[in-house]
């Protein structure tokens, strides 16, 4: 059985199989590390941790920028329209806030 980093709920379940590991152990294991428990001659081993190999991904700034542009075209909206919608939904224009635009009085004499 192998387990990489998991959330707290899953860790509570898995710690029963990975005893003596704790929920904290399973939630906070380092990136690319995992816990493993094996059967050797039908006898379970004590769980131990191992380190996996990090993926080797070459960065491609041209592709990254193309993805950002596509996202902006697909999901982006004009800021003025979004700001107006936020004001309408929150009714910020109709709330009076006395002293909001006034400077703070100085206590220096």
Protein backbone atom coordinates (compact mmCIF):
# COMPACT_ATOMS: atom_id res chain seq x y z
CA UNK A 1 0.00 0.00 0.00
CA UNK A 2 1.35 3.43 -0.93
CA UNK A 3 0.15 6.86 0.14
CA UNK A 4 1.36 10.27 -0.90
CA UNK A 5 0.34 13.45 0.93
CA UNK A 6 -3.37 13.40 1.74
CA UNK A 7 -5.92 15.60 3.46
CA UNK A 8 -6.83 15.25 7.13
CA UNK A 9 -9.98 13.20 6.51
CA UNK A 10 -8.18 10.66 4.36
CA UNK A 11 -5.24 10.62 6.77
CA UNK A 12 -7.55 9.64 9.64
CA UNK A 13 -8.68 6.64 7.62
CA UNK A 14 -5.20 5.70 6.37
CA UNK A 15 -3.44 5.90 9.73
CA UNK A 16 -5.28 2.72 10.71
CA UNK A 17 -3.35 0.92 7.98
CA UNK A 18 -0.13 2.89 8.42
CA UNK A 19 0.20 2.56 12.20
CA UNK A 20 2.25 4.07 13.97
CA UNK A 21 2.07 7.07 11.59
CA UNK A 22 -0.09 9.97 12.70
CA UNK A 23 -2.50 12.18 10.80
CA UNK A 24 0.11 14.92 11.03
CA UNK A 25 2.71 12.64 9.42
CA UNK A 26 0.45 11.84 6.48
CA UNK A 27 -0.73 15.40 5.93
CA UNK A 28 2.70 17.02 6.12
CA UNK A 29 4.93 14.61 4.20
CA UNK A 30 7.30 16.45 1.87
CA UNK A 31 6.65 16.90 -1.82
CA UNK A 32 7.41 13.80 -3.93
CA UNK A 33 7.68 11.63 -0.79
CA UNK A 34 5.32 8.82 0.10
CA UNK A 35 4.70 6.18 2.72
CA UNK A 36 4.72 2.52 1.81
CA UNK A 37 3.65 -0.63 3.62
CA UNK A 38 4.39 -3.97 2.02
CA UNK A 39 3.67 -7.64 2.54
CA UNK A 40 6.77 -9.81 2.63
CA UNK A 41 6.02 -13.54 2.90
CA UNK A 42 2.45 -12.59 3.86
CA UNK A 43 3.72 -10.52 6.78
CA UNK A 44 3.04 -6.77 6.75
CA UNK A 45 6.10 -4.58 7.11
CA UNK A 46 6.29 -1.52 9.29
CA UNK A 47 5.42 1.53 7.14
CA UNK A 48 8.37 3.52 5.87
CA UNK A 49 8.81 6.57 3.73
CA UNK A 50 10.46 6.82 0.33
CA UNK A 51 11.24 9.61 -2.08
CA UNK A 52 9.86 9.64 -5.58
CA UNK A 53 11.49 11.28 -8.56
CA UNK A 54 10.34 14.82 -9.26
CA UNK A 55 9.01 15.28 -12.79
CA UNK A 56 11.40 17.01 -15.13
CA UNK A 57 9.37 19.67 -16.83
CA UNK A 58 11.05 22.14 -19.12
CA UNK A 59 9.67 25.64 -18.80
CA UNK A 60 8.17 27.12 -21.93
CA UNK A 61 7.51 30.86 -21.45
CA UNK A 62 5.93 31.19 -24.91
CA UNK A 63 3.38 28.47 -24.13
CA UNK A 64 2.74 29.93 -20.66
CA UNK A 65 1.98 33.36 -22.13
CA UNK A 66 -0.27 31.83 -24.80
CA UNK A 67 -2.27 30.03 -22.08
CA UNK A 68 -2.63 33.27 -20.07
CA UNK A 69 -3.83 35.15 -23.18
CA UNK A 70 -6.34 32.42 -24.01
CA UNK A 71 -7.62 32.50 -20.44
CA UNK A 72 -8.03 36.30 -20.56
CA UNK A 73 -9.90 36.04 -23.86
CA UNK A 74 -12.14 33.26 -22.56
CA UNK A 75 -12.84 34.48 -19.03
CA UNK A 76 -11.65 38.08 -18.77
CA UNK A 77 -14.07 40.98 -18.47
CA UNK A 78 -13.71 44.74 -18.56
CA UNK A 79 -12.73 45.99 -15.11
CA UNK A 80 -15.16 48.94 -15.18
CA UNK A 81 -18.09 46.58 -15.79
CA UNK A 82 -16.99 44.23 -12.99
CA UNK A 83 -16.52 47.17 -10.58
CA UNK A 84 -20.00 48.47 -11.45
CA UNK A 85 -21.55 45.03 -10.86
CA UNK A 86 -19.83 44.75 -7.48
CA UNK A 87 -21.14 48.17 -6.44
CA UNK A 88 -24.66 47.23 -7.54
CA UNK A 89 -24.63 43.90 -5.69
CA UNK A 90 -23.15 45.27 -2.50
CA UNK A 91 -25.02 48.58 -2.68
CA UNK A 92 -21.83 50.38 -1.62
CA UNK A 93 -23.05 53.61 -3.22
CA UNK A 94 -26.07 53.77 -0.88
CA UNK A 95 -24.13 53.35 2.39
CA UNK A 96 -23.18 56.55 4.16
CA UNK A 97 -19.81 56.42 5.88
CA UNK A 98 -19.24 59.66 7.78
CA UNK A 99 -15.62 60.72 7.99
CA UNK A 100 -14.48 58.25 5.34
CA UNK A 101 -12.96 60.92 3.15
CA UNK A 102 -11.90 63.24 5.95
CA UNK A 103 -8.32 63.36 7.14
CA UNK A 104 -7.36 62.12 10.59
CA UNK A 105 -7.05 64.98 13.07
CA UNK A 106 -3.57 65.45 14.42
CA UNK A 107 -3.14 65.32 18.18
CA UNK A 108 0.12 67.29 18.02
CA UNK A 109 -0.01 70.72 19.64
